[in-house]
N, C-alpha and C. Protein backbone atom coordinates (compact mmCIF):
# COMPACT_ATOMS: atom_id res chain seq x y z
N UNK A 1 -7.67 13.90 -8.75
CA UNK A 1 -6.24 14.52 -9.44
C UNK A 1 -4.95 13.99 -8.09
N UNK A 2 -4.20 13.31 -8.28
CA UNK A 2 -3.19 13.19 -7.30
C UNK A 2 -2.15 14.31 -6.98
N UNK A 3 -2.30 14.73 -5.50
CA UNK A 3 -1.64 16.17 -4.86
C UNK A 3 -0.05 15.85 -4.54
N UNK A 4 -0.20 14.72 -3.89
CA UNK A 4 1.00 14.60 -3.20
C UNK A 4 2.17 14.20 -4.30
N UNK A 5 3.32 15.04 -4.21
CA UNK A 5 4.60 14.76 -4.76
C UNK A 5 5.16 13.34 -5.09
N UNK A 6 5.02 12.70 -3.78
CA UNK A 6 5.40 11.62 -3.17
C UNK A 6 4.65 10.70 -4.36
N UNK A 7 3.64 10.58 -4.38
CA UNK A 7 2.42 9.96 -4.92
C UNK A 7 2.73 9.88 -6.38
N UNK A 8 2.99 11.06 -6.81
CA UNK A 8 3.21 11.44 -8.44
C UNK A 8 4.16 10.42 -8.77
N UNK A 9 5.89 10.47 -8.10
CA UNK A 9 7.29 10.22 -8.54
C UNK A 9 6.65 8.70 -8.06
N UNK A 10 5.97 8.10 -7.60
CA UNK A 10 5.75 6.57 -7.50
C UNK A 10 4.89 6.33 -8.80
N UNK A 11 3.84 6.68 -9.26
CA UNK A 11 2.90 6.89 -10.73
C UNK A 11 3.99 6.61 -11.48
N UNK A 12 4.89 7.66 -11.74
CA UNK A 12 5.57 8.21 -12.83
C UNK A 12 6.75 7.23 -12.81
N UNK A 13 7.17 6.38 -11.90
CA UNK A 13 8.36 5.86 -12.15
C UNK A 13 7.46 4.37 -12.59
N UNK A 14 6.71 3.99 -11.85
CA UNK A 14 6.12 2.91 -12.58
C UNK A 14 5.17 2.92 -14.08
N UNK A 15 5.14 3.83 -14.79
CA UNK A 15 4.72 4.26 -15.74
C UNK A 15 5.75 4.17 -16.55
N UNK A 16 6.88 5.06 -16.59
CA UNK A 16 8.22 5.15 -17.04
C UNK A 16 9.05 3.28 -17.09
N UNK A 17 8.37 3.00 -16.61
CA UNK A 17 8.96 1.44 -16.54
C UNK A 17 7.80 0.60 -17.55
N UNK A 18 7.27 1.35 -18.33
CA UNK A 18 6.32 0.40 -19.53
C UNK A 18 4.82 -0.28 -18.73
N UNK A 19 4.41 -0.08 -17.49
CA UNK A 19 3.26 -0.39 -16.57
C UNK A 19 2.46 0.57 -16.99
N UNK A 20 1.06 -0.18 -17.33
CA UNK A 20 0.20 0.91 -17.75
C UNK A 20 -0.10 1.26 -16.13
N UNK A 21 -0.20 2.61 -16.04
CA UNK A 21 -0.36 3.41 -14.53
C UNK A 21 -1.96 3.73 -13.82
N UNK A 22 -2.38 3.40 -13.27
CA UNK A 22 -3.65 3.90 -12.73
C UNK A 22 -3.63 4.32 -11.42
N UNK A 23 -3.60 5.38 -11.06
CA UNK A 23 -4.07 5.88 -9.40
C UNK A 23 -5.22 6.93 -9.05
N UNK A 24 -6.01 5.78 -8.78
CA UNK A 24 -7.35 6.35 -8.89
C UNK A 24 -7.53 7.04 -7.79
N UNK A 25 -8.31 8.62 -7.57
CA UNK A 25 -8.23 9.17 -6.64
C UNK A 25 -9.49 8.85 -5.39
N UNK A 26 -9.26 7.97 -4.94
CA UNK A 26 -10.17 7.12 -3.92
C UNK A 26 -10.90 8.54 -3.07
N UNK A 27 -9.90 8.91 -2.85
CA UNK A 27 -9.67 9.60 -1.36
C UNK A 27 -10.38 11.32 -1.69
N UNK A 28 -10.85 11.60 -3.25
CA UNK A 28 -11.56 12.47 -3.80
C UNK A 28 -11.11 13.91 -3.44
N UNK A 29 -9.92 13.83 -3.87
CA UNK A 29 -9.14 15.42 -3.42
C UNK A 29 -8.79 15.47 -2.38
N UNK A 30 -8.68 15.03 -1.16
CA UNK A 30 -8.42 15.58 0.19
C UNK A 30 -7.83 13.94 0.47
N UNK A 31 -6.49 14.14 0.35
CA UNK A 31 -5.35 13.38 0.88
C UNK A 31 -4.91 13.85 2.33
N UNK A 32 -4.65 12.86 3.55
CA UNK A 32 -3.92 13.56 4.43
C UNK A 32 -2.72 14.91 4.22
N UNK A 33 -2.73 15.70 4.79
CA UNK A 33 -1.61 16.65 4.79
C UNK A 33 -0.41 16.58 4.85
N UNK A 34 0.93 17.09 4.25
CA UNK A 34 1.96 16.58 4.52
C UNK A 34 2.57 16.52 6.36
N UNK A 35 3.18 15.83 6.78
CA UNK A 35 3.50 15.44 8.21
C UNK A 35 1.84 15.36 8.89
N UNK A 36 0.64 15.28 8.65
CA UNK A 36 -0.16 15.26 9.33
C UNK A 36 0.00 14.05 10.83
N UNK A 37 0.88 13.16 10.58
CA UNK A 37 1.45 12.13 11.65
C UNK A 37 1.83 12.98 12.89
N UNK A 38 2.46 13.98 12.37
CA UNK A 38 3.37 15.00 13.33
C UNK A 38 2.48 16.34 13.58
N UNK A 39 1.51 16.38 13.09
CA UNK A 39 0.78 17.78 13.00
C UNK A 39 -0.50 17.92 14.21
N UNK A 40 -0.42 18.46 15.37
CA UNK A 40 -1.28 18.31 16.22
C UNK A 40 -2.37 18.97 15.97
N UNK A 41 -2.71 19.59 15.25
CA UNK A 41 -4.07 20.53 14.37
C UNK A 41 -4.74 19.20 13.47
N UNK A 42 -3.91 18.47 13.27
CA UNK A 42 -4.63 17.47 11.93
C UNK A 42 -5.79 16.59 12.94
N UNK A 43 -6.87 15.95 12.35
CA UNK A 43 -7.75 15.62 13.18
C UNK A 43 -7.79 14.04 12.63
N UNK A 44 -7.32 13.13 12.90
CA UNK A 44 -7.32 11.68 11.94
C UNK A 44 -8.29 11.17 12.18
N UNK A 45 -9.09 10.99 13.01
CA UNK A 45 -10.33 10.33 13.29
C UNK A 45 -11.39 11.17 12.73
N UNK A 46 -11.90 12.41 12.26
CA UNK A 46 -12.24 13.29 11.53
C UNK A 46 -12.17 12.88 10.08
N UNK A 47 -10.97 13.08 9.33
CA UNK A 47 -10.49 12.69 8.28
C UNK A 47 -10.89 11.38 8.09
N UNK A 48 -10.72 10.65 8.91
CA UNK A 48 -11.10 8.83 8.62
C UNK A 48 -12.56 8.75 8.27
N UNK A 49 -13.17 9.31 9.03
CA UNK A 49 -14.97 8.90 9.14
C UNK A 49 -15.25 9.92 7.65
N UNK A 50 -14.79 10.98 7.07
CA UNK A 50 -14.91 11.50 5.51
C UNK A 50 -14.29 10.67 4.49
N UNK A 51 -14.07 9.35 4.81
CA UNK A 51 -13.17 8.95 3.98
C UNK A 51 -13.52 7.02 3.94
N UNK A 52 -14.66 6.83 4.55
CA UNK A 52 -15.09 5.27 5.18
C UNK A 52 -15.24 4.80 3.36
N UNK A 53 -15.31 3.47 3.61
CA UNK A 53 -15.36 2.72 2.45
C UNK A 53 -16.66 2.34 1.54
N UNK A 54 -17.87 3.07 2.10
CA UNK A 54 -18.59 3.27 1.52
C UNK A 54 -18.49 4.61 0.27
N UNK A 55 -17.56 5.32 0.72
CA UNK A 55 -17.40 6.39 0.14
C UNK A 55 -16.46 5.97 -0.79
N UNK A 56 -15.05 5.46 -0.42
CA UNK A 56 -14.06 4.89 -1.53
C UNK A 56 -13.95 3.67 -2.70
N UNK A 57 -14.68 2.75 -2.03
CA UNK A 57 -14.89 1.54 -2.69
C UNK A 57 -15.50 1.59 -3.98
N UNK A 58 -16.33 2.36 -4.37
CA UNK A 58 -17.19 2.45 -5.79
C UNK A 58 -16.47 3.24 -6.61
N UNK A 59 -15.69 4.38 -6.27
CA UNK A 59 -14.87 4.60 -7.46
C UNK A 59 -13.48 3.48 -7.92
N UNK A 60 -12.89 2.54 -6.55
CA UNK A 60 -11.91 1.77 -7.07
C UNK A 60 -13.09 0.95 -8.09
N UNK A 61 -13.78 0.13 -7.45
CA UNK A 61 -14.74 -0.67 -8.58
C UNK A 61 -14.84 -0.54 -9.64
N UNK A 62 -15.29 0.60 -10.07
CA UNK A 62 -15.88 1.51 -11.28
C UNK A 62 -14.66 1.20 -12.16
N UNK A 63 -13.24 1.80 -11.59
CA UNK A 63 -11.47 1.60 -11.97
C UNK A 63 -11.11 0.59 -12.79
N UNK A 64 -11.86 -0.95 -12.34
CA UNK A 64 -11.31 -1.79 -12.06
C UNK A 64 -12.39 -2.23 -13.30
N UNK A 65 -13.30 -2.23 -13.10
CA UNK A 65 -14.49 -2.97 -14.25
C UNK A 65 -14.55 -1.65 -15.77
N UNK A 66 -13.99 -0.85 -15.97
CA UNK A 66 -13.26 0.16 -17.01
C UNK A 66 -12.06 -0.61 -17.70
N UNK A 67 -11.67 -0.73 -16.80
CA UNK A 67 -10.09 -1.71 -17.34
C UNK A 67 -10.44 -2.65 -17.59
N UNK A 68 -11.22 -3.88 -17.50
CA UNK A 68 -11.16 -4.76 -17.84
C UNK A 68 -12.91 -4.71 -19.09
N UNK A 69 -13.03 -3.71 -19.15
CA UNK A 69 -13.99 -3.49 -20.22
C UNK A 69 -13.29 -3.23 -21.45
N UNK A 70 -12.04 -2.58 -21.03
CA UNK A 70 -10.86 -2.11 -21.99
C UNK A 70 -9.62 -3.15 -22.35
N UNK A 71 -10.26 -4.50 -21.89
CA UNK A 71 -9.36 -5.27 -22.52
C UNK A 71 -8.20 -5.58 -21.44
N UNK A 72 -8.01 -5.12 -20.10
CA UNK A 72 -7.05 -5.49 -19.02
C UNK A 72 -7.25 -6.70 -18.61
N UNK A 73 -6.48 -7.49 -18.19
CA UNK A 73 -6.84 -9.04 -17.81
C UNK A 73 -6.12 -8.90 -16.46
N UNK A 74 -4.61 -8.37 -16.26
CA UNK A 74 -3.73 -9.05 -15.42
C UNK A 74 -3.89 -7.72 -14.60
N UNK A 75 -3.78 -7.49 -13.56
CA UNK A 75 -3.38 -6.19 -12.60
C UNK A 75 -2.42 -6.52 -11.26
N UNK A 76 -1.84 -5.52 -10.92
CA UNK A 76 -0.70 -5.34 -9.90
C UNK A 76 -0.77 -4.23 -9.21
N UNK A 77 -1.25 -4.93 -7.67
CA UNK A 77 -1.70 -3.30 -6.94
C UNK A 77 -0.70 -3.08 -6.13
N UNK A 78 -0.68 -1.59 -6.15
CA UNK A 78 -0.04 -1.25 -4.83
C UNK A 78 -0.58 -0.43 -3.58
N UNK A 79 -0.43 -0.29 -2.45
CA UNK A 79 -1.31 -0.20 -1.69
C UNK A 79 -0.49 0.27 -0.18
N UNK A 80 -0.25 1.66 -0.15
CA UNK A 80 0.46 2.37 0.58
C UNK A 80 -0.77 2.78 1.59
N UNK A 81 -0.02 2.56 3.27
CA UNK A 81 -0.66 3.32 4.34
C UNK A 81 -2.32 2.85 3.85
N UNK A 82 -3.00 4.20 3.93
CA UNK A 82 -4.66 3.94 3.85
C UNK A 82 -5.38 3.13 2.74
N UNK A 83 -4.26 3.14 2.09
CA UNK A 83 -4.56 2.04 0.71
C UNK A 83 -4.06 0.61 1.27
N UNK A 84 -3.41 0.40 2.05
CA UNK A 84 -3.11 -1.21 2.03
C UNK A 84 -4.02 -1.82 2.61
N UNK A 85 -5.05 -1.85 3.38
CA UNK A 85 -6.15 -2.71 3.54
C UNK A 85 -6.90 -3.16 1.95
N UNK A 86 -7.17 -1.72 1.13
CA UNK A 86 -7.96 -2.01 -0.19
C UNK A 86 -6.98 -3.09 -0.85
N UNK A 87 -5.89 -2.82 -1.11
CA UNK A 87 -5.30 -3.82 -1.88
C UNK A 87 -5.26 -5.27 -1.35
N UNK A 88 -5.17 -5.36 0.12
CA UNK A 88 -4.98 -6.60 0.49
C UNK A 88 -6.73 -7.34 0.04
N UNK A 89 -7.55 -6.71 0.71
CA UNK A 89 -9.06 -7.04 0.13
C UNK A 89 -8.97 -7.38 -1.47
N UNK A 90 -8.48 -6.55 -2.42
CA UNK A 90 -8.57 -6.93 -3.76
C UNK A 90 -7.72 -7.99 -4.33
N UNK A 91 -6.78 -8.34 -3.34
CA UNK A 91 -6.06 -9.39 -3.20
C UNK A 91 -6.89 -10.87 -2.88
N UNK A 92 -7.71 -10.55 -1.55
CA UNK A 92 -8.35 -11.43 -0.55
C UNK A 92 -9.45 -12.37 -1.82
N UNK A 93 -10.22 -11.02 -2.72
CA UNK A 93 -11.64 -10.98 -3.63
C UNK A 93 -10.38 -11.95 -5.07
N UNK A 94 -9.56 -12.06 -4.66
CA UNK A 94 -8.71 -12.35 -6.55
C UNK A 94 -8.97 -11.31 -7.48
N UNK A 95 -9.40 -9.97 -7.30
CA UNK A 95 -9.57 -9.37 -8.10
C UNK A 95 -7.99 -9.17 -8.65
N UNK A 96 -6.81 -9.26 -8.23
CA UNK A 96 -5.26 -8.74 -8.75
C UNK A 96 -4.43 -9.74 -8.41
N UNK A 97 -3.30 -10.04 -9.63
CA UNK A 97 -2.40 -10.91 -9.47
C UNK A 97 -1.35 -10.92 -8.79
N UNK A 98 -0.90 -9.67 -8.47
CA UNK A 98 0.54 -9.59 -7.64
C UNK A 98 -0.25 -8.56 -6.51
N UNK A 99 0.36 -8.02 -5.32
CA UNK A 99 -0.27 -7.75 -4.13
C UNK A 99 1.30 -7.12 -3.82
N UNK A 100 1.49 -5.91 -3.63
CA UNK A 100 2.68 -5.19 -2.68
C UNK A 100 1.71 -3.94 -1.98
N UNK A 101 1.84 -4.01 -0.56
CA UNK A 101 1.57 -3.49 0.14
C UNK A 101 2.64 -2.80 0.93
N UNK A 102 2.77 -1.52 1.62
CA UNK A 102 4.17 -0.97 2.00
C UNK A 102 3.43 0.23 3.01
N UNK A 103 4.29 -0.35 4.13
CA UNK A 103 3.26 0.56 5.49
C UNK A 103 1.80 0.85 5.51
N UNK A 104 1.30 -0.30 5.69
CA UNK A 104 -0.11 -0.51 5.43
C UNK A 104 -0.48 0.37 7.16
N UNK A 105 -1.61 1.10 7.21
CA UNK A 105 -2.20 1.35 8.40
C UNK A 105 -3.90 0.68 8.53
N UNK A 106 -3.96 1.28 9.45
CA UNK A 106 -5.66 1.18 9.82
C UNK A 106 -5.78 -0.72 9.59
N UNK A 107 -4.60 -1.41 10.27
CA UNK A 107 -4.90 -2.58 10.30
C UNK A 107 -4.93 -3.16 11.80
N UNK A 108 -6.28 -3.79 12.27
CA UNK A 108 -6.80 -4.05 13.39
C UNK A 108 -6.70 -5.58 13.40
N UNK A 109 -5.96 -6.08 13.96
CA UNK A 109 -5.47 -7.76 14.70
C UNK A 109 -5.06 -8.60 13.12
N UNK A 110 -4.81 -9.29 13.41
CA UNK A 110 -4.53 -10.31 12.15
C UNK A 110 -5.39 -11.08 11.24
N UNK A 111 -6.72 -10.77 11.23
CA UNK A 111 -7.70 -11.50 10.49
C UNK A 111 -7.83 -11.19 9.22
N UNK A 112 -7.21 -9.68 8.87
CA UNK A 112 -7.15 -9.53 7.14
C UNK A 112 -5.79 -10.31 6.68
N UNK A 113 -4.83 -10.61 7.38
CA UNK A 113 -3.80 -11.21 6.88
C UNK A 113 -4.26 -12.76 7.06
N UNK A 114 -5.18 -13.19 7.86
CA UNK A 114 -5.29 -14.95 7.50
C UNK A 114 -5.82 -14.95 6.61
N UNK A 115 -7.17 -13.91 6.27
CA UNK A 115 -8.18 -14.18 5.21
C UNK A 115 -7.61 -14.47 4.21
N UNK A 116 -6.09 -13.26 3.55
CA UNK A 116 -5.56 -13.09 2.50
C UNK A 116 -4.89 -14.79 2.20
N UNK A 117 -4.44 -15.17 3.33
CA UNK A 117 -3.73 -16.41 3.16
C UNK A 117 -4.67 -17.51 2.95
N UNK A 118 -5.76 -17.51 3.74
CA UNK A 118 -6.71 -18.69 3.11
C UNK A 118 -7.58 -18.47 1.88
N UNK A 119 -7.58 -17.01 1.61
CA UNK A 119 -8.09 -17.19 0.36
C UNK A 119 -7.81 -16.59 -1.02
N UNK A 120 -6.89 -15.78 -0.66
CA UNK A 120 -5.87 -15.47 -1.32
C UNK A 120 -4.77 -15.81 -2.64
N UNK A 121 -4.74 -15.75 -4.00
CA UNK A 121 -3.82 -16.09 -4.68
C UNK A 121 -2.51 -15.38 -5.17
N UNK A 122 -2.34 -14.13 -5.29
CA UNK A 122 -1.49 -13.45 -5.28
C UNK A 122 -0.12 -13.57 -4.40
N UNK A 123 0.95 -13.54 -5.34
CA UNK A 123 2.03 -13.31 -4.50
C UNK A 123 2.11 -12.11 -3.27
N UNK A 124 2.31 -12.16 -2.77
CA UNK A 124 2.45 -10.63 -1.52
C UNK A 124 3.61 -10.32 -1.19
N UNK A 125 4.15 -9.13 -1.38
CA UNK A 125 5.17 -8.02 -1.00
C UNK A 125 5.03 -7.31 0.21
N UNK A 126 5.15 -7.27 1.27
CA UNK A 126 4.93 -6.32 2.31
C UNK A 126 6.06 -5.61 3.15
N UNK A 127 6.16 -4.38 2.76
CA UNK A 127 7.51 -3.43 2.89
C UNK A 127 7.14 -2.80 3.84
N UNK A 128 8.05 -2.48 5.07
CA UNK A 128 7.72 -1.43 6.48
C UNK A 128 8.54 -1.24 6.86
N UNK A 129 9.09 0.35 7.30
CA UNK A 129 10.07 0.89 8.01
C UNK A 129 10.07 0.05 9.34
N UNK A 130 11.73 0.02 9.70
CA UNK A 130 11.63 -0.38 11.05
C UNK A 130 11.22 0.29 12.08
N UNK A 131 10.84 1.98 11.75
CA UNK A 131 10.67 2.69 12.75
C UNK A 131 9.00 3.33 12.53
N UNK A 132 8.30 2.29 12.20
CA UNK A 132 6.60 2.14 11.89
C UNK A 132 6.02 1.58 12.85
N UNK A 133 5.41 2.16 13.55
CA UNK A 133 4.59 1.68 14.82
C UNK A 133 3.32 1.23 14.54
N UNK A 134 2.85 1.09 13.29
CA UNK A 134 1.51 0.52 13.22
C UNK A 134 1.45 -0.86 12.96
N UNK A 135 2.83 -1.84 12.91
CA UNK A 135 2.89 -3.03 12.62
C UNK A 135 3.85 -3.11 13.64
N UNK A 136 3.51 -3.62 14.96
CA UNK A 136 4.93 -4.15 15.73
C UNK A 136 5.36 -5.07 15.27
N UNK A 137 7.04 -5.43 15.83
CA UNK A 137 7.62 -6.71 15.26
C UNK A 137 7.22 -8.25 15.54
N UNK A 138 6.56 -7.93 16.97
CA UNK A 138 5.48 -9.10 17.01
C UNK A 138 4.55 -9.59 16.11
N UNK A 139 3.57 -8.20 15.51
CA UNK A 139 3.02 -8.41 14.91
C UNK A 139 3.34 -8.57 13.32
N UNK A 140 4.80 -8.52 12.86
CA UNK A 140 5.55 -8.74 11.76
C UNK A 140 5.37 -10.16 11.94
N UNK A 141 6.02 -10.80 13.02
CA UNK A 141 6.51 -12.00 13.15
C UNK A 141 5.53 -13.09 13.25
N UNK A 142 3.98 -12.68 13.67
CA UNK A 142 2.71 -12.97 13.35
C UNK A 142 2.10 -13.30 12.02
N UNK A 143 2.53 -12.31 10.94
CA UNK A 143 2.14 -12.11 10.02
C UNK A 143 2.97 -12.93 9.35
N UNK A 144 4.33 -13.07 9.55
CA UNK A 144 5.15 -13.87 8.84
C UNK A 144 4.86 -15.40 9.32
N UNK A 145 4.26 -15.74 10.04
CA UNK A 145 3.77 -17.36 10.56
C UNK A 145 2.27 -17.28 9.63
N UNK A 146 1.72 -16.54 9.58
CA UNK A 146 0.79 -16.82 8.88
C UNK A 146 0.69 -17.66 7.02
N UNK A 147 2.00 -16.66 6.63
CA UNK A 147 1.87 -17.12 5.18
C UNK A 147 3.44 -17.93 5.27
N UNK A 148 3.58 -18.46 6.24
CA UNK A 148 4.64 -19.18 6.14
C UNK A 148 4.20 -20.40 5.47
N UNK A 149 3.69 -20.81 5.03
CA UNK A 149 2.97 -22.50 4.00
C UNK A 149 2.03 -21.14 2.71
N UNK A 150 2.02 -20.08 2.88
CA UNK A 150 1.52 -19.33 1.91
C UNK A 150 2.31 -20.01 0.16
N UNK A 151 1.73 -21.00 -0.49
CA UNK A 151 2.06 -21.36 -1.71
C UNK A 151 2.52 -20.37 -3.03
N UNK A 152 1.58 -19.25 -2.68
CA UNK A 152 1.75 -18.53 -3.97
C UNK A 152 3.03 -17.21 -3.68
N UNK A 153 3.71 -17.43 -2.92
CA UNK A 153 4.69 -16.40 -2.42
C UNK A 153 4.52 -14.98 -1.30
N UNK A 154 5.28 -15.08 -0.35
CA UNK A 154 5.35 -14.26 0.22
C UNK A 154 6.70 -13.63 0.80
N UNK A 155 6.94 -11.98 0.80
CA UNK A 155 8.16 -11.77 1.33
C UNK A 155 7.77 -10.70 2.10
N UNK A 156 8.48 -10.46 3.24
CA UNK A 156 8.59 -9.31 3.97
C UNK A 156 9.71 -8.99 4.20
N UNK A 157 9.89 -7.15 3.73
CA UNK A 157 10.90 -6.28 3.81
C UNK A 157 10.55 -5.47 4.76
N UNK A 158 12.22 -5.13 5.51
CA UNK A 158 11.94 -4.10 6.49
C UNK A 158 13.63 -2.96 6.42
N UNK A 159 12.84 -1.64 6.08
CA UNK A 159 14.18 -0.72 5.79
C UNK A 159 14.32 -0.32 6.87
N UNK A 160 15.56 -0.28 7.39
CA UNK A 160 16.29 0.35 8.33
C UNK A 160 16.05 1.75 8.70
N UNK A 161 15.76 2.34 9.74
CA UNK A 161 15.94 3.62 10.16
C UNK A 161 14.35 4.30 9.26
N UNK A 162 13.53 3.69 8.80
CA UNK A 162 12.55 4.31 8.15
C UNK A 162 11.07 4.66 9.07
N UNK A 163 10.62 5.45 8.77
CA UNK A 163 9.13 5.44 9.73
C UNK A 163 8.04 5.04 8.70
N UNK A 164 7.10 5.25 9.50
CA UNK A 164 5.77 5.17 8.62
C UNK A 164 5.40 5.93 7.64
N UNK A 165 5.11 5.92 6.27
CA UNK A 165 4.98 6.43 5.03
C UNK A 165 6.43 6.79 4.54
N UNK A 166 7.03 6.15 4.32
CA UNK A 166 8.84 6.23 3.88
C UNK A 166 8.74 6.32 2.67
N UNK A 167 7.80 5.19 2.21
CA UNK A 167 7.87 5.20 0.68
C UNK A 167 7.22 6.15 -0.35
N UNK A 168 5.93 6.96 0.09
CA UNK A 168 5.79 8.19 -0.29
C UNK A 168 6.23 9.21 0.03
N UNK A 169 6.13 9.77 1.79
CA UNK A 169 6.51 10.89 2.12
C UNK A 169 7.72 11.02 3.06
N UNK A 170 9.06 9.89 2.46
CA UNK A 170 10.41 9.77 2.99
C UNK A 170 11.08 11.04 2.84
N UNK A 171 11.59 11.14 3.81
CA UNK A 171 12.86 12.54 4.00
C UNK A 171 13.84 12.32 2.99
N UNK A 172 14.16 12.65 1.88
CA UNK A 172 15.24 12.87 0.76
C UNK A 172 16.52 12.98 1.50
N UNK A 173 16.43 13.82 2.46
CA UNK A 173 17.71 14.28 2.83
C UNK A 173 18.19 13.35 3.89
N UNK A 174 17.43 12.20 4.63
CA UNK A 174 17.53 11.35 5.44
C UNK A 174 18.18 10.50 4.77
N UNK A 175 19.53 10.12 5.16
CA UNK A 175 20.09 8.89 4.38
C UNK A 175 19.55 7.44 4.76
N UNK A 176 19.19 7.14 5.35
CA UNK A 176 18.15 5.89 5.64
C UNK A 176 17.08 6.25 4.73
N UNK A 177 16.03 7.04 4.94
CA UNK A 177 15.07 7.20 4.69
C UNK A 177 14.96 7.30 2.93
N UNK A 178 15.97 8.16 2.53
CA UNK A 178 16.05 7.48 1.00
C UNK A 178 16.62 6.19 0.66
N UNK A 179 17.58 6.15 1.13
CA UNK A 179 17.99 4.42 0.72
C UNK A 179 16.42 3.31 1.28
N UNK A 180 15.61 3.95 1.82
CA UNK A 180 13.85 2.97 1.82
C UNK A 180 13.59 3.50 0.63
N UNK A 181 13.38 4.86 0.52
CA UNK A 181 12.50 4.77 -0.53
C UNK A 181 12.76 4.53 -1.96
N UNK A 182 14.06 4.77 -1.78
CA UNK A 182 14.56 3.94 -3.52
C UNK A 182 15.12 2.67 -3.51
N UNK A 183 15.16 2.05 -2.31
CA UNK A 183 15.13 0.67 -1.71
C UNK A 183 14.06 0.00 -2.78
N UNK A 184 12.81 0.68 -2.06
CA UNK A 184 11.48 -0.14 -2.02
C UNK A 184 11.04 0.26 -3.41
N UNK A 185 11.73 1.43 -4.01
CA UNK A 185 10.94 1.27 -5.67
C UNK A 185 12.07 0.15 -6.38
N UNK A 186 13.22 0.19 -6.31
CA UNK A 186 13.92 -0.98 -6.67
C UNK A 186 13.28 -2.22 -7.04
N UNK A 187 12.95 -2.40 -5.35
CA UNK A 187 12.35 -4.10 -5.46
C UNK A 187 11.16 -4.10 -6.10
N UNK A 188 10.30 -2.81 -5.89
CA UNK A 188 8.64 -3.39 -6.91
C UNK A 188 8.89 -3.31 -8.47
N UNK A 189 9.68 -2.71 -9.04
CA UNK A 189 10.08 -2.62 -10.15
C UNK A 189 10.86 -3.64 -10.73
N UNK A 190 11.47 -4.27 -9.90
CA UNK A 190 12.29 -5.74 -10.47
C UNK A 190 11.07 -6.73 -10.40
N UNK A 191 10.36 -6.54 -9.38
CA UNK A 191 9.42 -7.71 -10.36
C UNK A 191 9.48 -8.85 -9.66
């Protein structure tokens, strides 16, 4: 079950536009708490150790298998934060037809992006907040360079004044974060 209001809003907006929208709870009911990044009591390392790929991937694969068995032939994947690397790996394996990654976390080096550029075939939209520290401006330029000749389509959008997590946990009372969150949704739903 999806517990975060921001995630529910995203899912509902996709569904309202007519997309069959599936949001598997691959975190097994244990999302990071609100404002986890600013909470000194939240142990990120312990939380991450409880959500290894051995725990999370089986449900993702099960959902994809079930959808294929039901006749679904085309997939668009959105990966937010912790889900960013999962979405990228699904595109590397050519499981999905369109890849949208927004404020990804746990990106260590550029290998995953280079592998996607070499092996992927899905158009790729990468969205970040200008205040996000997960991928530095230098990293972003390197990613742009990697995808410079990616013939399947690549676009990177940076939303001014937005921190990591803006599309899911953005502060709707903050003008820039609100603009980033709303703009992100409009961009994604435009296709």
